[in-house]
Amino acid sequence: PIDPDVDLYELFHAPYTPVPDPLPMLPPVGVQASVLSHDTIKVTWADNSLPKNQKITDARYYTVRWKTNIPANTKFKVANTTTLIHTVTGLKPNTLYEFSVMVTKGRRTSTWSMTAHGTTFET
């Protein structure tokens, strides 16, 4: 039996319904670090949520992060780009860096991609 004191409208139309988190984006794939010089590394990637031609037609952007492990507590540096390539400059010579990329579109973000590594050339 339905309790007549309970307002069915209240039951079915809760005054506050939290908005579910949007589904995460797919992280970028095929991240590659191409060493160009003693202080510059070019990072490229692909985005499986784009069409085959990898044409970006919406307001998504990518965040590239990089760090070196010397010293161990080095913080990541980050840069945003709206293309599938980012050239990182101002690196230290003869140093190993790790790079990863994530994509953001509106309120949706991906996890960080798999890591790519590159060692800058000696001066």
C-alpha atoms as a PDB file:
ATOM      1  CA  PRO A   1       0.000   0.000   0.000  1.00  0.00           C
ATOM      2  CA  ILE A   2       1.175   3.493  -0.853  1.00  0.00           C
ATOM      3  CA  ASP A   3       1.574   5.800   2.121  1.00  0.00           C
ATOM      4  CA  PRO A   4      -0.868   8.657   1.368  1.00  0.00           C
ATOM      5  CA  ASP A   5       1.293  11.109   3.298  1.00  0.00           C
ATOM      6  CA  VAL A   6       4.197  10.759   0.848  1.00  0.00           C
ATOM      7  CA  ASP A   7       3.921  13.122  -2.069  1.00  0.00           C
ATOM      8  CA  LEU A   8       4.648  11.031  -5.163  1.00  0.00           C
ATOM      9  CA  TYR A   9       5.735  14.132  -7.039  1.00  0.00           C
ATOM     10  CA  GLU A  10       8.475  14.664  -4.456  1.00  0.00           C
ATOM     11  CA  LEU A  11       9.621  11.068  -4.847  1.00  0.00           C
ATOM     12  CA  PHE A  12      10.016  11.266  -8.589  1.00  0.00           C
ATOM     13  CA  HIS A  13      11.153  14.864  -8.934  1.00  0.00           C
ATOM     14  CA  ALA A  14      13.837  15.274  -6.360  1.00  0.00           C
ATOM     15  CA  PRO A  15      14.576  18.981  -6.083  1.00  0.00           C
ATOM     16  CA  TYR A  16      18.274  18.444  -6.774  1.00  0.00           C
ATOM     17  CA  THR A  17      19.597  15.891  -9.213  1.00  0.00           C
ATOM     18  CA  PRO A  18      23.357  15.891  -9.558  1.00  0.00           C
ATOM     19  CA  VAL A  19      24.493  16.020 -13.162  1.00  0.00           C
ATOM     20  CA  PRO A  20      26.395  12.828 -13.934  1.00  0.00           C
ATOM     21  CA  ASP A  21      30.024  13.292 -14.865  1.00  0.00           C
ATOM     22  CA  PRO A  22      30.417  13.250 -18.632  1.00  0.00           C
ATOM     23  CA  LEU A  23      32.163  10.252 -20.100  1.00  0.00           C
ATOM     24  CA  PRO A  24      35.907  10.775 -20.264  1.00  0.00           C
ATOM     25  CA  MET A  25      37.567  11.385 -23.607  1.00  0.00           C
ATOM     26  CA  LEU A  26      39.910   8.785 -25.080  1.00  0.00           C
ATOM     27  CA  PRO A  27      43.511   9.688 -24.301  1.00  0.00           C
ATOM     28  CA  PRO A  28      45.774  10.567 -27.240  1.00  0.00           C
ATOM     29  CA  VAL A  29      47.696   7.620 -28.728  1.00  0.00           C
ATOM     30  CA  GLY A  30      50.969   7.083 -30.541  1.00  0.00           C
ATOM     31  CA  VAL A  31      52.770   9.803 -28.628  1.00  0.00           C
ATOM     32  CA  GLN A  32      56.263  10.271 -30.051  1.00  0.00           C
ATOM     33  CA  ALA A  33      59.125  12.477 -28.968  1.00  0.00           C
ATOM     34  CA  SER A  34      61.470  13.478 -31.803  1.00  0.00           C
ATOM     35  CA  VAL A  35      64.685  15.098 -30.613  1.00  0.00           C
ATOM     36  CA  LEU A  36      65.533  18.094 -32.823  1.00  0.00           C
ATOM     37  CA  SER A  37      68.506  19.638 -31.020  1.00  0.00           C
ATOM     38  CA  HIS A  38      70.238  20.040 -27.675  1.00  0.00           C
ATOM     39  CA  ASP A  39      67.242  21.942 -26.268  1.00  0.00           C
ATOM     40  CA  THR A  40      64.238  21.120 -28.479  1.00  0.00           C
ATOM     41  CA  ILE A  41      62.009  18.055 -28.742  1.00  0.00           C
ATOM     42  CA  LYS A  42      58.967  17.777 -31.007  1.00  0.00           C
ATOM     43  CA  VAL A  43      56.045  15.841 -29.532  1.00  0.00           C
ATOM     44  CA  THR A  44      53.399  14.393 -31.872  1.00  0.00           C
ATOM     45  CA  TRP A  45      50.347  12.231 -31.256  1.00  0.00           C
ATOM     46  CA  ALA A  46      47.082  10.984 -32.735  1.00  0.00           C
ATOM     47  CA  ASP A  47      43.532  11.274 -31.396  1.00  0.00           C
ATOM     48  CA  ASN A  48      41.322   8.218 -31.900  1.00  0.00           C
ATOM     49  CA  SER A  49      38.202  10.280 -31.228  1.00  0.00           C
ATOM     50  CA  LEU A  50      38.895  12.310 -34.392  1.00  0.00           C
ATOM     51  CA  PRO A  51      37.944  11.076 -37.863  1.00  0.00           C
ATOM     52  CA  LYS A  52      40.511   9.150 -39.909  1.00  0.00           C
ATOM     53  CA  ASN A  53      41.911  12.306 -41.465  1.00  0.00           C
ATOM     54  CA  GLN A  54      42.667  13.604 -37.936  1.00  0.00           C
ATOM     55  CA  LYS A  55      41.001  16.937 -38.750  1.00  0.00           C
ATOM     56  CA  ILE A  56      40.087  18.936 -35.641  1.00  0.00           C
ATOM     57  CA  THR A  57      36.812  20.795 -36.210  1.00  0.00           C
ATOM     58  CA  ASP A  58      35.693  21.443 -32.619  1.00  0.00           C
ATOM     59  CA  ALA A  59      37.033  23.365 -29.637  1.00  0.00           C
ATOM     60  CA  ARG A  60      39.127  20.560 -28.187  1.00  0.00           C
ATOM     61  CA  TYR A  61      42.656  21.234 -27.032  1.00  0.00           C
ATOM     62  CA  TYR A  62      45.585  19.144 -25.899  1.00  0.00           C
ATOM     63  CA  THR A  63      47.758  19.543 -22.847  1.00  0.00           C
ATOM     64  CA  VAL A  64      51.340  18.337 -23.167  1.00  0.00           C
ATOM     65  CA  ARG A  65      53.331  17.776 -20.005  1.00  0.00           C
ATOM     66  CA  TRP A  66      57.032  17.010 -19.666  1.00  0.00           C
ATOM     67  CA  LYS A  67      59.647  16.558 -17.006  1.00  0.00           C
ATOM     68  CA  THR A  68      63.069  15.162 -16.377  1.00  0.00           C
ATOM     69  CA  ASN A  69      63.846  12.856 -13.473  1.00  0.00           C
ATOM     70  CA  ILE A  70      66.957  14.758 -12.399  1.00  0.00           C
ATOM     71  CA  PRO A  71      66.431  15.829  -9.643  1.00  0.00           C
ATOM     72  CA  ALA A  72      63.789  13.283  -8.730  1.00  0.00           C
ATOM     73  CA  ASN A  73      61.210  15.782  -7.461  1.00  0.00           C
ATOM     74  CA  THR A  74      61.128  17.870 -10.654  1.00  0.00           C
ATOM     75  CA  LYS A  75      57.676  19.202 -11.410  1.00  0.00           C
ATOM     76  CA  PHE A  76      55.933  18.745 -14.738  1.00  0.00           C
ATOM     77  CA  LYS A  77      55.820  21.690 -17.101  1.00  0.00           C
ATOM     78  CA  VAL A  78      52.708  21.945 -19.265  1.00  0.00           C
ATOM     79  CA  ALA A  79      51.607  23.620 -22.484  1.00  0.00           C
ATOM     80  CA  ASN A  80      48.257  23.705 -24.263  1.00  0.00           C
ATOM     81  CA  THR A  81      47.827  23.393 -28.008  1.00  0.00           C
ATOM     82  CA  THR A  82      44.954  22.975 -30.460  1.00  0.00           C
ATOM     83  CA  THR A  83      47.066  20.923 -32.875  1.00  0.00           C
ATOM     84  CA  LEU A  84      48.463  17.363 -32.831  1.00  0.00           C
ATOM     85  CA  ILE A  85      52.022  18.570 -32.425  1.00  0.00           C
ATOM     86  CA  HIS A  86      53.930  20.626 -29.899  1.00  0.00           C
ATOM     87  CA  THR A  87      57.568  21.681 -29.995  1.00  0.00           C
ATOM     88  CA  VAL A  88      59.097  21.913 -26.531  1.00  0.00           C
ATOM     89  CA  THR A  89      62.047  24.285 -26.310  1.00  0.00           C
ATOM     90  CA  GLY A  90      64.369  25.454 -23.554  1.00  0.00           C
ATOM     91  CA  LEU A  91      65.318  21.942 -22.475  1.00  0.00           C
ATOM     92  CA  LYS A  92      68.649  20.973 -20.930  1.00  0.00           C
ATOM     93  CA  PRO A  93      71.231  19.339 -23.203  1.00  0.00           C
ATOM     94  CA  ASN A  94      71.951  15.610 -22.940  1.00  0.00           C
ATOM     95  CA  THR A  95      68.946  15.057 -20.662  1.00  0.00           C
ATOM     96  CA  LEU A  96      66.189  12.452 -20.737  1.00  0.00           C
ATOM     97  CA  TYR A  97      62.658  13.856 -20.715  1.00  0.00           C
ATOM     98  CA  GLU A  98      59.299  12.126 -20.514  1.00  0.00           C
ATOM     99  CA  PHE A  99      56.199  13.449 -22.273  1.00  0.00           C
ATOM    100  CA  SER A 100      52.489  12.696 -22.099  1.00  0.00           C
ATOM    101  CA  VAL A 101      49.400  14.311 -23.572  1.00  0.00           C
ATOM    102  CA  MET A 102      45.739  14.625 -22.645  1.00  0.00           C
ATOM    103  CA  VAL A 103      42.759  16.036 -24.499  1.00  0.00           C
ATOM    104  CA  THR A 104      40.051  18.383 -23.180  1.00  0.00           C
ATOM    105  CA  LYS A 105      36.737  19.194 -24.830  1.00  0.00           C
ATOM    106  CA  GLY A 106      34.265  21.260 -22.841  1.00  0.00           C
ATOM    107  CA  ARG A 107      33.889  19.597 -19.435  1.00  0.00           C
ATOM    108  CA  ARG A 108      35.354  16.332 -20.693  1.00  0.00           C
ATOM    109  CA  THR A 109      38.994  15.394 -20.298  1.00  0.00           C
ATOM    110  CA  SER A 110      40.976  12.247 -20.966  1.00  0.00           C
ATOM    111  CA  THR A 111      43.500  10.531 -18.780  1.00  0.00           C
ATOM    112  CA  TRP A 112      47.159  11.144 -19.631  1.00  0.00           C
ATOM    113  CA  SER A 113      48.440   9.222 -22.629  1.00  0.00           C
ATOM    114  CA  MET A 114      51.181   6.654 -22.481  1.00  0.00           C
ATOM    115  CA  THR A 115      54.568   8.255 -21.940  1.00  0.00           C
ATOM    116  CA  ALA A 116      57.108   8.979 -24.662  1.00  0.00           C
ATOM    117  CA  HIS A 117      60.766   9.581 -23.890  1.00  0.00           C
ATOM    118  CA  GLY A 118      63.450  11.602 -25.611  1.00  0.00           C
ATOM    119  CA  THR A 119      67.012  12.562 -24.736  1.00  0.00           C
ATOM    120  CA  THR A 120      68.223  15.933 -25.969  1.00  0.00           C
ATOM    121  CA  PHE A 121      71.481  16.057 -27.911  1.00  0.00           C
ATOM    122  CA  GLU A 122      74.711  17.251 -26.367  1.00  0.00           C
ATOM    123  CA  THR A 123      75.669  20.831 -27.107  1.00  0.00           C
END
